C-alpha atoms as a PDB file:
ATOM      1  CA  MET A   1     183.369  83.314 119.617  1.00  0.00           C
ATOM      2  CA  SER A   2     185.814  84.131 116.763  1.00  0.00           C
ATOM      3  CA  ALA A   3     184.691  85.861 113.586  1.00  0.00           C
ATOM      4  CA  ASP A   4     185.215  82.625 111.648  1.00  0.00           C
ATOM      5  CA  ALA A   5     183.211  80.436 114.028  1.00  0.00           C
ATOM      6  CA  GLU A   6     180.132  78.686 112.701  1.00  0.00           C
ATOM      7  CA  PRO A   7     176.864  80.011 114.217  1.00  0.00           C
ATOM      8  CA  ALA A   8     175.045  77.537 116.415  1.00  0.00           C
ATOM      9  CA  PRO A   9     172.256  75.746 114.556  1.00  0.00           C
ATOM     10  CA  VAL A  10     168.768  76.911 115.354  1.00  0.00           C
ATOM     11  CA  SER A  11     166.503  74.214 116.751  1.00  0.00           C
ATOM     12  CA  ALA A  12     162.866  74.317 117.725  1.00  0.00           C
ATOM     13  CA  LYS A  13     162.028  73.990 121.383  1.00  0.00           C
ATOM     14  CA  PRO A  14     160.125  70.833 122.227  1.00  0.00           C
ATOM     15  CA  PRO A  15     156.455  71.455 122.971  1.00  0.00           C
ATOM     16  CA  VAL A  16     155.379  71.898 126.572  1.00  0.00           C
ATOM     17  CA  THR A  17     153.977  68.634 127.931  1.00  0.00           C
ATOM     18  CA  LEU A  18     150.986  68.049 130.143  1.00  0.00           C
ATOM     19  CA  ARG A  19     153.394  66.648 132.751  1.00  0.00           C
ATOM     20  CA  GLU A  20     155.245  69.993 132.874  1.00  0.00           C
ATOM     21  CA  VAL A  21     151.966  71.883 133.320  1.00  0.00           C
ATOM     22  CA  ALA A  22     150.961  69.555 136.150  1.00  0.00           C
ATOM     23  CA  ALA A  23     154.329  69.973 137.891  1.00  0.00           C
ATOM     24  CA  ALA A  24     154.242  73.773 137.612  1.00  0.00           C
ATOM     25  CA  ALA A  25     150.668  73.870 138.949  1.00  0.00           C
ATOM     26  CA  GLY A  26     151.442  71.421 141.752  1.00  0.00           C
ATOM     27  CA  VAL A  27     148.808  68.861 140.754  1.00  0.00           C
ATOM     28  CA  SER A  28     148.748  65.382 139.275  1.00  0.00           C
ATOM     29  CA  VAL A  29     148.789  64.805 135.507  1.00  0.00           C
ATOM     30  CA  ALA A  30     145.246  63.407 135.730  1.00  0.00           C
ATOM     31  CA  THR A  31     143.981  66.523 137.516  1.00  0.00           C
ATOM     32  CA  ALA A  32     145.681  68.806 134.976  1.00  0.00           C
ATOM     33  CA  SER A  33     144.118  66.858 132.123  1.00  0.00           C
ATOM     34  CA  LYS A  34     140.637  67.075 133.628  1.00  0.00           C
ATOM     35  CA  ALA A  35     140.984  70.799 134.297  1.00  0.00           C
ATOM     36  CA  LEU A  36     142.056  71.578 130.735  1.00  0.00           C
ATOM     37  CA  ASN A  37     139.281  69.413 129.263  1.00  0.00           C
ATOM     38  CA  GLY A  38     136.553  70.899 131.481  1.00  0.00           C
ATOM     39  CA  GLN A  39     136.019  67.597 133.246  1.00  0.00           C
ATOM     40  CA  GLY A  40     136.363  66.228 136.781  1.00  0.00           C
ATOM     41  CA  ARG A  41     135.406  67.640 140.172  1.00  0.00           C
ATOM     42  CA  MET A  42     137.622  70.403 141.580  1.00  0.00           C
ATOM     43  CA  THR A  43     137.251  73.935 142.829  1.00  0.00           C
ATOM     44  CA  ALA A  44     136.899  76.714 140.306  1.00  0.00           C
ATOM     45  CA  GLU A  45     140.068  78.261 141.749  1.00  0.00           C
ATOM     46  CA  THR A  46     142.105  75.092 141.076  1.00  0.00           C
ATOM     47  CA  ARG A  47     140.750  74.721 137.550  1.00  0.00           C
ATOM     48  CA  GLU A  48     141.540  78.354 136.728  1.00  0.00           C
ATOM     49  CA  ARG A  49     145.033  78.098 138.251  1.00  0.00           C
ATOM     50  CA  ILE A  50     145.848  75.088 136.066  1.00  0.00           C
ATOM     51  CA  ARG A  51     144.524  76.781 132.952  1.00  0.00           C
ATOM     52  CA  GLU A  52     146.500  79.950 133.679  1.00  0.00           C
ATOM     53  CA  THR A  53     149.657  77.870 134.234  1.00  0.00           C
ATOM     54  CA  ALA A  54     149.118  76.155 130.889  1.00  0.00           C
ATOM     55  CA  ARG A  55     148.636  79.510 129.184  1.00  0.00           C
ATOM     56  CA  LEU A  56     151.805  80.993 130.693  1.00  0.00           C
ATOM     57  CA  LEU A  57     153.860  77.966 129.697  1.00  0.00           C
ATOM     58  CA  GLY A  58     152.446  78.020 126.160  1.00  0.00           C
ATOM     59  CA  PHE A  59     150.907  74.571 126.426  1.00  0.00           C
ATOM     60  CA  ARG A  60     148.865  73.426 123.438  1.00  0.00           C
ATOM     61  CA  PRO A  61     146.742  70.286 123.755  1.00  0.00           C
ATOM     62  CA  ASN A  62     147.262  67.493 121.256  1.00  0.00           C
ATOM     63  CA  SER A  63     144.433  67.975 118.754  1.00  0.00           C
ATOM     64  CA  LEU A  64     144.596  64.390 117.526  1.00  0.00           C
ATOM     65  CA  ALA A  65     144.292  63.059 121.079  1.00  0.00           C
ATOM     66  CA  GLN A  66     141.364  65.385 121.757  1.00  0.00           C
ATOM     67  CA  SER A  67     139.668  64.268 118.560  1.00  0.00           C
ATOM     68  CA  LEU A  68     139.991  60.635 119.553  1.00  0.00           C
ATOM     69  CA  LEU A  69     138.734  61.384 123.050  1.00  0.00           C
ATOM     70  CA  ARG A  70     135.662  63.305 121.928  1.00  0.00           C
ATOM     71  CA  LYS A  71     135.106  61.416 118.658  1.00  0.00           C
ATOM     72  CA  ARG A  72     135.195  64.690 116.735  1.00  0.00           C
ATOM     73  CA  SER A  73     137.703  66.275 114.343  1.00  0.00           C
ATOM     74  CA  PHE A  74     136.750  69.876 115.209  1.00  0.00           C
ATOM     75  CA  THR A  75     136.698  70.708 111.499  1.00  0.00           C
ATOM     76  CA  VAL A  76     133.797  71.429 109.174  1.00  0.00           C
ATOM     77  CA  GLY A  77     133.751  71.720 105.410  1.00  0.00           C
ATOM     78  CA  LEU A  78     132.185  74.517 103.385  1.00  0.00           C
ATOM     79  CA  LEU A  79     131.188  73.320  99.924  1.00  0.00           C
ATOM     80  CA  THR A  80     130.330  75.868  97.210  1.00  0.00           C
ATOM     81  CA  ASN A  81     130.043  76.381  93.464  1.00  0.00           C
ATOM     82  CA  ASP A  82     130.469  80.156  93.785  1.00  0.00           C
ATOM     83  CA  THR A  83     133.731  80.306  91.832  1.00  0.00           C
ATOM     84  CA  TYR A  84     134.375  84.019  92.410  1.00  0.00           C
ATOM     85  CA  GLY A  85     133.478  83.974  96.102  1.00  0.00           C
ATOM     86  CA  ARG A  86     131.021  86.843  95.767  1.00  0.00           C
ATOM     87  CA  PHE A  87     128.546  85.143  98.107  1.00  0.00           C
ATOM     88  CA  SER A  88     130.553  82.294  99.650  1.00  0.00           C
ATOM     89  CA  LEU A  89     133.432  84.340 101.117  1.00  0.00           C
ATOM     90  CA  PRO A  90     131.329  86.635 103.368  1.00  0.00           C
ATOM     91  CA  LEU A  91     129.243  83.610 104.297  1.00  0.00           C
ATOM     92  CA  MET A  92     132.376  81.637 105.195  1.00  0.00           C
ATOM     93  CA  ALA A  93     133.553  84.544 107.341  1.00  0.00           C
ATOM     94  CA  GLY A  94     130.306  84.259 109.290  1.00  0.00           C
ATOM     95  CA  VAL A  95     130.630  80.490 109.662  1.00  0.00           C
ATOM     96  CA  SER A  96     134.211  80.870 110.922  1.00  0.00           C
ATOM     97  CA  ASP A  97     133.195  83.620 113.331  1.00  0.00           C
ATOM     98  CA  ALA A  98     130.523  81.367 114.835  1.00  0.00           C
ATOM     99  CA  LEU A  99     132.846  78.381 115.262  1.00  0.00           C
ATOM    100  CA  VAL A 100     136.285  79.789 116.044  1.00  0.00           C
ATOM    101  CA  ASP A 101     135.584  80.225 119.747  1.00  0.00           C
ATOM    102  CA  LYS A 102     134.468  76.583 119.843  1.00  0.00           C
ATOM    103  CA  GLY A 103     137.854  75.463 118.524  1.00  0.00           C
ATOM    104  CA  VAL A 104     136.380  74.439 115.169  1.00  0.00           C
ATOM    105  CA  SER A 105     138.200  75.134 111.885  1.00  0.00           C
ATOM    106  CA  VAL A 106     136.517  75.616 108.505  1.00  0.00           C
ATOM    107  CA  PHE A 107     137.976  74.707 105.131  1.00  0.00           C
ATOM    108  CA  LEU A 108     136.527  75.697 101.779  1.00  0.00           C
ATOM    109  CA  CYS A 109     136.119  73.483  98.717  1.00  0.00           C
ATOM    110  CA  ASN A 110     134.950  74.905  95.392  1.00  0.00           C
ATOM    111  CA  VAL A 111     133.088  72.322  93.301  1.00  0.00           C
ATOM    112  CA  GLU A 112     132.389  74.774  90.446  1.00  0.00           C
ATOM    113  CA  ASP A 113     129.539  73.120  88.511  1.00  0.00           C
ATOM    114  CA  ASP A 114     131.270  69.772  88.130  1.00  0.00           C
ATOM    115  CA  PRO A 115     129.518  66.747  89.734  1.00  0.00           C
ATOM    116  CA  ARG A 116     132.716  64.674  89.586  1.00  0.00           C
ATOM    117  CA  LEU A 117     134.752  67.376  91.315  1.00  0.00           C
ATOM    118  CA  GLY A 118     131.997  67.782  93.880  1.00  0.00           C
ATOM    119  CA  GLN A 119     132.029  64.087  94.702  1.00  0.00           C
ATOM    120  CA  LEU A 120     135.825  64.098  95.049  1.00  0.00           C
ATOM    121  CA  HIS A 121     135.653  66.987  97.522  1.00  0.00           C
ATOM    122  CA  VAL A 122     132.909  65.316  99.551  1.00  0.00           C
ATOM    123  CA  GLU A 123     134.906  62.096  99.744  1.00  0.00           C
ATOM    124  CA  ALA A 124     137.975  64.055 100.835  1.00  0.00           C
ATOM    125  CA  MET A 125     135.945  65.734 103.583  1.00  0.00           C
ATOM    126  CA  LEU A 126     134.663  62.386 104.789  1.00  0.00           C
ATOM    127  CA  ASP A 127     138.201  60.981 104.757  1.00  0.00           C
ATOM    128  CA  LYS A 128     139.264  63.884 106.967  1.00  0.00           C
ATOM    129  CA  ARG A 129     136.410  63.038 109.343  1.00  0.00           C
ATOM    130  CA  VAL A 130     134.815  66.485 109.223  1.00  0.00           C
ATOM    131  CA  ASP A 131     132.104  66.939 111.834  1.00  0.00           C
ATOM    132  CA  GLY A 132     129.663  68.390 109.301  1.00  0.00           C
ATOM    133  CA  ILE A 133     129.270  70.360 106.070  1.00  0.00           C
ATOM    134  CA  VAL A 134     127.833  73.778 105.220  1.00  0.00           C
ATOM    135  CA  ALA A 135     126.684  73.786 101.579  1.00  0.00           C
ATOM    136  CA  THR A 136     126.369  77.141  99.835  1.00  0.00           C
ATOM    137  CA  GLY A 137     126.084  78.396  96.274  1.00  0.00           C
ATOM    138  CA  LYS A 138     125.629  81.360  93.975  1.00  0.00           C
ATOM    139  CA  ARG A 139     121.815  81.238  93.840  1.00  0.00           C
ATOM    140  CA  ILE A 140     119.106  79.960  96.144  1.00  0.00           C
ATOM    141  CA  ASP A 141     117.010  78.085  93.573  1.00  0.00           C
ATOM    142  CA  ARG A 142     119.617  75.556  92.442  1.00  0.00           C
ATOM    143  CA  HIS A 143     121.123  72.478  94.098  1.00  0.00           C
ATOM    144  CA  LEU A 144     124.865  72.033  94.246  1.00  0.00           C
ATOM    145  CA  PRO A 145     126.015  69.476  91.658  1.00  0.00           C
ATOM    146  CA  VAL A 146     126.595  66.787  94.287  1.00  0.00           C
ATOM    147  CA  ASP A 147     124.267  64.651  96.408  1.00  0.00           C
ATOM    148  CA  LEU A 148     124.600  65.376 100.142  1.00  0.00           C
ATOM    149  CA  SER A 149     121.310  63.807 101.198  1.00  0.00           C
ATOM    150  CA  ASN A 150     122.600  60.461 102.524  1.00  0.00           C
ATOM    151  CA  LEU A 151     125.775  61.441 104.336  1.00  0.00           C
ATOM    152  CA  ARG A 152     126.207  60.227 107.899  1.00  0.00           C
ATOM    153  CA  ILE A 153     127.215  63.676 109.108  1.00  0.00           C
ATOM    154  CA  PRO A 154     125.062  66.797 109.523  1.00  0.00           C
ATOM    155  CA  VAL A 155     124.637  69.134 106.544  1.00  0.00           C
ATOM    156  CA  VAL A 156     123.255  72.676 106.693  1.00  0.00           C
ATOM    157  CA  TYR A 157     122.390  74.594 103.514  1.00  0.00           C
ATOM    158  CA  ALA A 158     122.920  78.364 103.269  1.00  0.00           C
ATOM    159  CA  PHE A 159     122.163  80.433 100.171  1.00  0.00           C
ATOM    160  CA  THR A 160     121.481  77.356  98.059  1.00  0.00           C
ATOM    161  CA  GLN A 161     118.532  75.016  97.567  1.00  0.00           C
ATOM    162  CA  PRO A 162     118.400  72.418 100.368  1.00  0.00           C
ATOM    163  CA  ASP A 163     117.477  68.782 100.114  1.00  0.00           C
ATOM    164  CA  PRO A 164     113.998  67.842 101.411  1.00  0.00           C
ATOM    165  CA  GLY A 165     113.940  67.530 105.185  1.00  0.00           C
ATOM    166  CA  ALA A 166     117.209  69.444 105.614  1.00  0.00           C
ATOM    167  CA  VAL A 167     117.978  72.714 107.420  1.00  0.00           C
ATOM    168  CA  GLY A 168     118.300  75.663 105.026  1.00  0.00           C
ATOM    169  CA  LEU A 169     118.952  79.375 105.534  1.00  0.00           C
ATOM    170  CA  VAL A 170     118.393  82.137 102.968  1.00  0.00           C
ATOM    171  CA  SER A 171     118.053  85.900 102.947  1.00  0.00           C
ATOM    172  CA  ASP A 172     114.536  87.343 102.949  1.00  0.00           C
ATOM    173  CA  ASP A 173     114.517  88.711  99.395  1.00  0.00           C
ATOM    174  CA  ALA A 174     110.939  89.941  99.597  1.00  0.00           C
ATOM    175  CA  GLY A 175     111.690  91.785 102.827  1.00  0.00           C
ATOM    176  CA  GLY A 176     114.784  93.310 101.256  1.00  0.00           C
ATOM    177  CA  ALA A 177     112.800  94.560  98.260  1.00  0.00           C
ATOM    178  CA  ARG A 178     110.257  96.102 100.611  1.00  0.00           C
ATOM    179  CA  LEU A 179     113.027  97.986 102.399  1.00  0.00           C
ATOM    180  CA  ALA A 180     114.096  99.563  99.103  1.00  0.00           C
ATOM    181  CA  VAL A 181     110.637 100.586  97.924  1.00  0.00           C
ATOM    182  CA  GLU A 182     109.617 101.899 101.362  1.00  0.00           C
ATOM    183  CA  GLN A 183     112.786 104.011 101.434  1.00  0.00           C
ATOM    184  CA  PHE A 184     111.729 105.616  98.161  1.00  0.00           C
ATOM    185  CA  LEU A 185     108.257 106.289  99.558  1.00  0.00           C
ATOM    186  CA  ARG A 186     109.757 107.987 102.639  1.00  0.00           C
ATOM    187  CA  LEU A 187     111.691 110.248 100.276  1.00  0.00           C
ATOM    188  CA  GLY A 188     108.503 111.228  98.455  1.00  0.00           C
ATOM    189  CA  ARG A 189     109.050 109.140  95.318  1.00  0.00           C
ATOM    190  CA  ARG A 190     105.902 107.879  93.654  1.00  0.00           C
ATOM    191  CA  ARG A 191     106.829 106.584  90.165  1.00  0.00           C
ATOM    192  CA  ILE A 192     109.096 103.694  91.078  1.00  0.00           C
ATOM    193  CA  ALA A 193     110.415 101.489  88.264  1.00  0.00           C
ATOM    194  CA  HIS A 194     112.089  98.100  88.706  1.00  0.00           C
ATOM    195  CA  VAL A 195     115.035  96.920  86.586  1.00  0.00           C
ATOM    196  CA  THR A 196     116.225  93.426  87.415  1.00  0.00           C
ATOM    197  CA  GLY A 197     117.866  90.206  86.225  1.00  0.00           C
ATOM    198  CA  PRO A 198     116.904  87.171  84.127  1.00  0.00           C
ATOM    199  CA  GLU A 199     113.478  85.565  84.359  1.00  0.00           C
ATOM    200  CA  SER A 200     115.045  82.179  85.194  1.00  0.00           C
ATOM    201  CA  PHE A 201     116.051  83.326  88.708  1.00  0.00           C
ATOM    202  CA  ALA A 202     113.543  82.800  91.521  1.00  0.00           C
ATOM    203  CA  VAL A 203     114.763  85.913  93.348  1.00  0.00           C
ATOM    204  CA  VAL A 204     113.801  88.027  90.332  1.00  0.00           C
ATOM    205  CA  HIS A 205     110.155  87.064  90.775  1.00  0.00           C
ATOM    206  CA  THR A 206     110.239  87.276  94.579  1.00  0.00           C
ATOM    207  CA  ARG A 207     111.655  90.798  94.615  1.00  0.00           C
ATOM    208  CA  ALA A 208     109.402  91.982  91.776  1.00  0.00           C
ATOM    209  CA  GLU A 209     106.314  90.697  93.574  1.00  0.00           C
ATOM    210  CA  ALA A 210     107.303  92.528  96.754  1.00  0.00           C
ATOM    211  CA  TRP A 211     107.976  95.733  94.770  1.00  0.00           C
ATOM    212  CA  ARG A 212     104.543  95.477  93.178  1.00  0.00           C
ATOM    213  CA  ASP A 213     102.834  94.694  96.513  1.00  0.00           C
ATOM    214  CA  VAL A 214     104.241  97.778  98.241  1.00  0.00           C
ATOM    215  CA  LEU A 215     103.112 100.003  95.371  1.00  0.00           C
ATOM    216  CA  LYS A 216      99.586  98.535  95.486  1.00  0.00           C
ATOM    217  CA  GLU A 217      99.415  98.908  99.277  1.00  0.00           C
ATOM    218  CA  ASN A 218     100.138 102.604  98.844  1.00  0.00           C
ATOM    219  CA  GLY A 219      97.686 103.152  95.978  1.00  0.00           C
ATOM    220  CA  LEU A 220     100.409 103.693  93.387  1.00  0.00           C
ATOM    221  CA  PRO A 221     100.391 102.493  89.773  1.00  0.00           C
ATOM    222  CA  THR A 222     102.312  99.337  88.902  1.00  0.00           C
ATOM    223  CA  ALA A 223     103.954  98.170  85.713  1.00  0.00           C
ATOM    224  CA  GLU A 224     105.936  95.189  84.505  1.00  0.00           C
ATOM    225  CA  PRO A 225     109.552  95.011  85.696  1.00  0.00           C
ATOM    226  CA  LEU A 226     112.260  95.233  83.070  1.00  0.00           C
ATOM    227  CA  LEU A 227     114.164  91.929  82.913  1.00  0.00           C
ATOM    228  CA  GLY A 228     117.674  91.479  81.558  1.00  0.00           C
ATOM    229  CA  ALA A 229     121.192  90.406  82.479  1.00  0.00           C
ATOM    230  CA  TRP A 230     122.879  90.942  85.863  1.00  0.00           C
ATOM    231  CA  SER A 231     125.158  93.573  84.315  1.00  0.00           C
ATOM    232  CA  GLU A 232     125.978  97.270  84.101  1.00  0.00           C
ATOM    233  CA  ALA A 233     125.345  97.107  80.351  1.00  0.00           C
ATOM    234  CA  TRP A 234     121.732  96.025  80.945  1.00  0.00           C
ATOM    235  CA  GLY A 235     121.230  98.820  83.477  1.00  0.00           C
ATOM    236  CA  HIS A 236     122.528 101.287  80.914  1.00  0.00           C
ATOM    237  CA  ASP A 237     120.215  99.929  78.199  1.00  0.00           C
ATOM    238  CA  ALA A 238     117.199  99.916  80.549  1.00  0.00           C
ATOM    239  CA  VAL A 239     117.462 103.690  80.985  1.00  0.00           C
ATOM    240  CA  GLU A 240     116.743 104.110  77.277  1.00  0.00           C
ATOM    241  CA  LYS A 241     113.545 102.102  77.716  1.00  0.00           C
ATOM    242  CA  LEU A 242     112.462 104.094  80.787  1.00  0.00           C
ATOM    243  CA  PHE A 243     113.589 107.606  79.852  1.00  0.00           C
ATOM    244  CA  GLY A 244     113.747 107.509  76.056  1.00  0.00           C
ATOM    245  CA  LYS A 245     110.187 108.688  75.601  1.00  0.00           C
ATOM    246  CA  ALA A 246     109.490 112.415  75.384  1.00  0.00           C
ATOM    247  CA  GLY A 247     108.091 114.287  78.346  1.00  0.00           C
ATOM    248  CA  ARG A 248     109.452 114.221  81.850  1.00  0.00           C
ATOM    249  CA  GLU A 249     105.970 113.727  83.301  1.00  0.00           C
ATOM    250  CA  GLY A 250     106.065 110.070  82.270  1.00  0.00           C
ATOM    251  CA  TRP A 251     109.530 109.381  83.619  1.00  0.00           C
ATOM    252  CA  PRO A 252     110.114 107.408  86.822  1.00  0.00           C
ATOM    253  CA  ASP A 253     111.375 109.380  89.794  1.00  0.00           C
ATOM    254  CA  ALA A 254     113.020 106.275  91.273  1.00  0.00           C
ATOM    255  CA  VAL A 255     114.559 103.025  90.010  1.00  0.00           C
ATOM    256  CA  PHE A 256     114.858  99.941  92.198  1.00  0.00           C
ATOM    257  CA  CYS A 257     117.512  97.645  90.715  1.00  0.00           C
ATOM    258  CA  GLY A 258     117.915  93.890  91.124  1.00  0.00           C
ATOM    259  CA  ASN A 259     121.631  94.131  91.873  1.00  0.00           C
ATOM    260  CA  ASP A 260     124.368  96.728  92.294  1.00  0.00           C
ATOM    261  CA  GLN A 261     125.869  96.253  88.857  1.00  0.00           C
ATOM    262  CA  ILE A 262     122.556  97.036  87.178  1.00  0.00           C
ATOM    263  CA  ALA A 263     122.183 100.062  89.457  1.00  0.00           C
ATOM    264  CA  ARG A 264     125.605 101.375  88.518  1.00  0.00           C
ATOM    265  CA  GLY A 265     124.734 101.081  84.830  1.00  0.00           C
ATOM    266  CA  VAL A 266     121.474 102.953  85.453  1.00  0.00           C
ATOM    267  CA  ILE A 267     123.252 105.790  87.264  1.00  0.00           C
ATOM    268  CA  ASP A 268     125.899 106.142  84.542  1.00  0.00           C
ATOM    269  CA  ALA A 269     123.243 106.282  81.807  1.00  0.00           C
ATOM    270  CA  LEU A 270     121.197 108.861  83.738  1.00  0.00           C
ATOM    271  CA  ARG A 271     124.300 111.039  84.143  1.00  0.00           C
ATOM    272  CA  GLU A 272     124.910 110.877  80.383  1.00  0.00           C
ATOM    273  CA  ARG A 273     121.374 112.208  79.861  1.00  0.00           C
ATOM    274  CA  GLY A 274     121.882 115.061  82.305  1.00  0.00           C
ATOM    275  CA  ILE A 275     119.472 113.512  84.818  1.00  0.00           C
ATOM    276  CA  ARG A 276     120.745 114.017  88.365  1.00  0.00           C
ATOM    277  CA  VAL A 277     120.887 111.288  91.009  1.00  0.00           C
ATOM    278  CA  PRO A 278     119.348 111.592  93.555  1.00  0.00           C
ATOM    279  CA  GLU A 279     117.908 115.083  92.897  1.00  0.00           C
ATOM    280  CA  ASP A 280     115.838 114.031  89.868  1.00  0.00           C
ATOM    281  CA  VAL A 281     115.798 110.237  90.193  1.00  0.00           C
ATOM    282  CA  GLY A 282     116.627 108.018  93.150  1.00  0.00           C
ATOM    283  CA  VAL A 283     118.404 104.697  92.570  1.00  0.00           C
ATOM    284  CA  ILE A 284     118.716 101.749  94.974  1.00  0.00           C
ATOM    285  CA  GLY A 285     120.566  98.493  94.294  1.00  0.00           C
ATOM    286  CA  PHE A 286     120.566  95.044  95.851  1.00  0.00           C
ATOM    287  CA  ASP A 287     123.467  92.981  97.322  1.00  0.00           C
ATOM    288  CA  ASN A 288     125.499  95.836  98.843  1.00  0.00           C
ATOM    289  CA  TRP A 289     128.596  94.694  96.993  1.00  0.00           C
ATOM    290  CA  GLU A 290     130.822  97.312  98.581  1.00  0.00           C
ATOM    291  CA  ILE A 291     133.455  97.376  95.849  1.00  0.00           C
ATOM    292  CA  VAL A 292     130.694  98.461  93.430  1.00  0.00           C
ATOM    293  CA  ALA A 293     128.370 100.413  95.730  1.00  0.00           C
ATOM    294  CA  GLU A 294     131.045 102.638  97.258  1.00  0.00           C
ATOM    295  CA  ALA A 295     132.768 103.327  93.927  1.00  0.00           C
ATOM    296  CA  THR A 296     129.517 104.406  92.225  1.00  0.00           C
ATOM    297  CA  ARG A 297     129.024 108.163  91.851  1.00  0.00           C
ATOM    298  CA  PRO A 298     127.085 109.061  93.866  1.00  0.00           C
ATOM    299  CA  PRO A 299     127.687 106.168  96.299  1.00  0.00           C
ATOM    300  CA  LEU A 300     124.900 103.638  95.950  1.00  0.00           C
ATOM    301  CA  THR A 301     122.197 102.935  98.507  1.00  0.00           C
ATOM    302  CA  SER A 302     121.724  99.170  98.491  1.00  0.00           C
ATOM    303  CA  VAL A 303     120.004  96.251 100.204  1.00  0.00           C
ATOM    304  CA  ASP A 304     122.485  94.087 102.131  1.00  0.00           C
ATOM    305  CA  MET A 305     121.614  90.383 102.359  1.00  0.00           C
ATOM    306  CA  ASN A 306     123.577  90.036 105.617  1.00  0.00           C
ATOM    307  CA  LEU A 307     125.563  87.082 104.284  1.00  0.00           C
ATOM    308  CA  ALA A 308     128.007  87.103 107.206  1.00  0.00           C
ATOM    309  CA  SER A 309     125.077  86.848 109.625  1.00  0.00           C
ATOM    310  CA  LEU A 310     123.584  84.125 107.455  1.00  0.00           C
ATOM    311  CA  GLY A 311     126.871  82.233 107.661  1.00  0.00           C
ATOM    312  CA  ARG A 312     127.034  82.693 111.404  1.00  0.00           C
ATOM    313  CA  GLU A 313     123.542  81.235 111.841  1.00  0.00           C
ATOM    314  CA  ALA A 314     124.436  78.346 109.543  1.00  0.00           C
ATOM    315  CA  GLY A 315     127.543  77.638 111.606  1.00  0.00           C
ATOM    316  CA  LEU A 316     125.611  77.663 114.865  1.00  0.00           C
ATOM    317  CA  ALA A 317     122.900  75.433 113.381  1.00  0.00           C
ATOM    318  CA  LEU A 318     125.532  72.946 112.204  1.00  0.00           C
ATOM    319  CA  LEU A 319     127.236  72.983 115.606  1.00  0.00           C
ATOM    320  CA  SER A 320     123.925  72.181 117.301  1.00  0.00           C
ATOM    321  CA  LEU A 321     123.376  69.224 114.983  1.00  0.00           C
ATOM    322  CA  VAL A 322     126.928  67.989 115.557  1.00  0.00           C
ATOM    323  CA  GLU A 323     126.326  68.108 119.305  1.00  0.00           C
ATOM    324  CA  GLY A 324     123.195  66.010 118.914  1.00  0.00           C
ATOM    325  CA  GLN A 325     120.613  68.753 119.394  1.00  0.00           C
ATOM    326  CA  PRO A 326     117.531  68.511 117.168  1.00  0.00           C
ATOM    327  CA  ALA A 327     116.822  71.202 114.577  1.00  0.00           C
ATOM    328  CA  ALA A 328     113.552  71.805 112.764  1.00  0.00           C
ATOM    329  CA  PRO A 329     113.898  71.060 109.031  1.00  0.00           C
ATOM    330  CA  GLY A 330     112.880  73.604 106.443  1.00  0.00           C
ATOM    331  CA  ILE A 331     114.023  76.981 105.155  1.00  0.00           C
ATOM    332  CA  ARG A 332     114.601  79.895 107.533  1.00  0.00           C
ATOM    333  CA  LYS A 333     114.581  83.401 106.077  1.00  0.00           C
ATOM    334  CA  LEU A 334     116.884  85.949 107.695  1.00  0.00           C
ATOM    335  CA  PRO A 335     116.204  89.691 107.375  1.00  0.00           C
ATOM    336  CA  CYS A 336     118.097  91.981 105.030  1.00  0.00           C
ATOM    337  CA  ARG A 337     119.104  95.553 105.888  1.00  0.00           C
ATOM    338  CA  LEU A 338     119.227  98.754 103.884  1.00  0.00           C
ATOM    339  CA  VAL A 339     122.595 100.514 103.665  1.00  0.00           C
ATOM    340  CA  VAL A 340     121.780 104.152 102.934  1.00  0.00           C
ATOM    341  CA  ARG A 341     124.372 106.125 100.997  1.00  0.00           C
ATOM    342  CA  GLN A 342     123.685 109.004  98.618  1.00  0.00           C
ATOM    343  CA  SER A 343     121.797 107.659  95.604  1.00  0.00           C
ATOM    344  CA  GLY A 344     118.401 107.167  97.208  1.00  0.00           C
END
């Protein structure tokens, strides 16, 4: 070819057909189709040989044809109002992990707190013939701003308030709080304060009750939790309330915080006062938000809500419903775990 010659245009190869797979495997098209769809009667050796031939040739089944055959789209929607993805993204990762090996894709729609936007997204999902929906949010005591109760497809709720008679999954907040307080007790702490979020959140009361119960069970004095915003600034201000009084004998030797941002504010304020963490005061957070917990100095011990595992269970529950298997309605609580670092 001369230097001035035009390069040959690049063209995509046509996809491998089922007929080509059948010819290469030495079987009929019908037999190849049954082998690849897990149907028909044939020896395991024949079925595996056809599948291996298809793999080597790079054959990909027609997803539209499969959907029509099985009356499924092999897609599910994940609906959330968690704009920043703090809770929905790890949960979605769990849902995807549960469904990817089943050939099911997940797509995310953020409804924010807009009922109209929520309805538009639901209608779009129904138009796409999704097999089901996982609904999730940014708190467990609020409904999403859209009605999912009368859809003709399965809906599973994870980390949001479910409709009556639906399947819901949440983290065990009380169990998580117990993990934190019991960790302090193992370390010899006995004056354990609790700094947490706004009174309007159900988890605030659930975790505070568990904190108080563990103290009572161990014969230790209890007090009222300090309630404020879910922020570092509130954690910083709470230290003044706990440690501003004279005399170290009245100070807490541990602070259990309602989230990691509060805990980081507590640790920063203690450092400013010359109070060492964890030597003088232990601090444990909640959420295990790694970008916060690992950047805290010292790195923050925190309760992990296992959101990826929660998402995985939600995905499996939805898949069971899609396949026609019954599921008991109600809320299932999944255990949290304590991630021990250096603060407590």
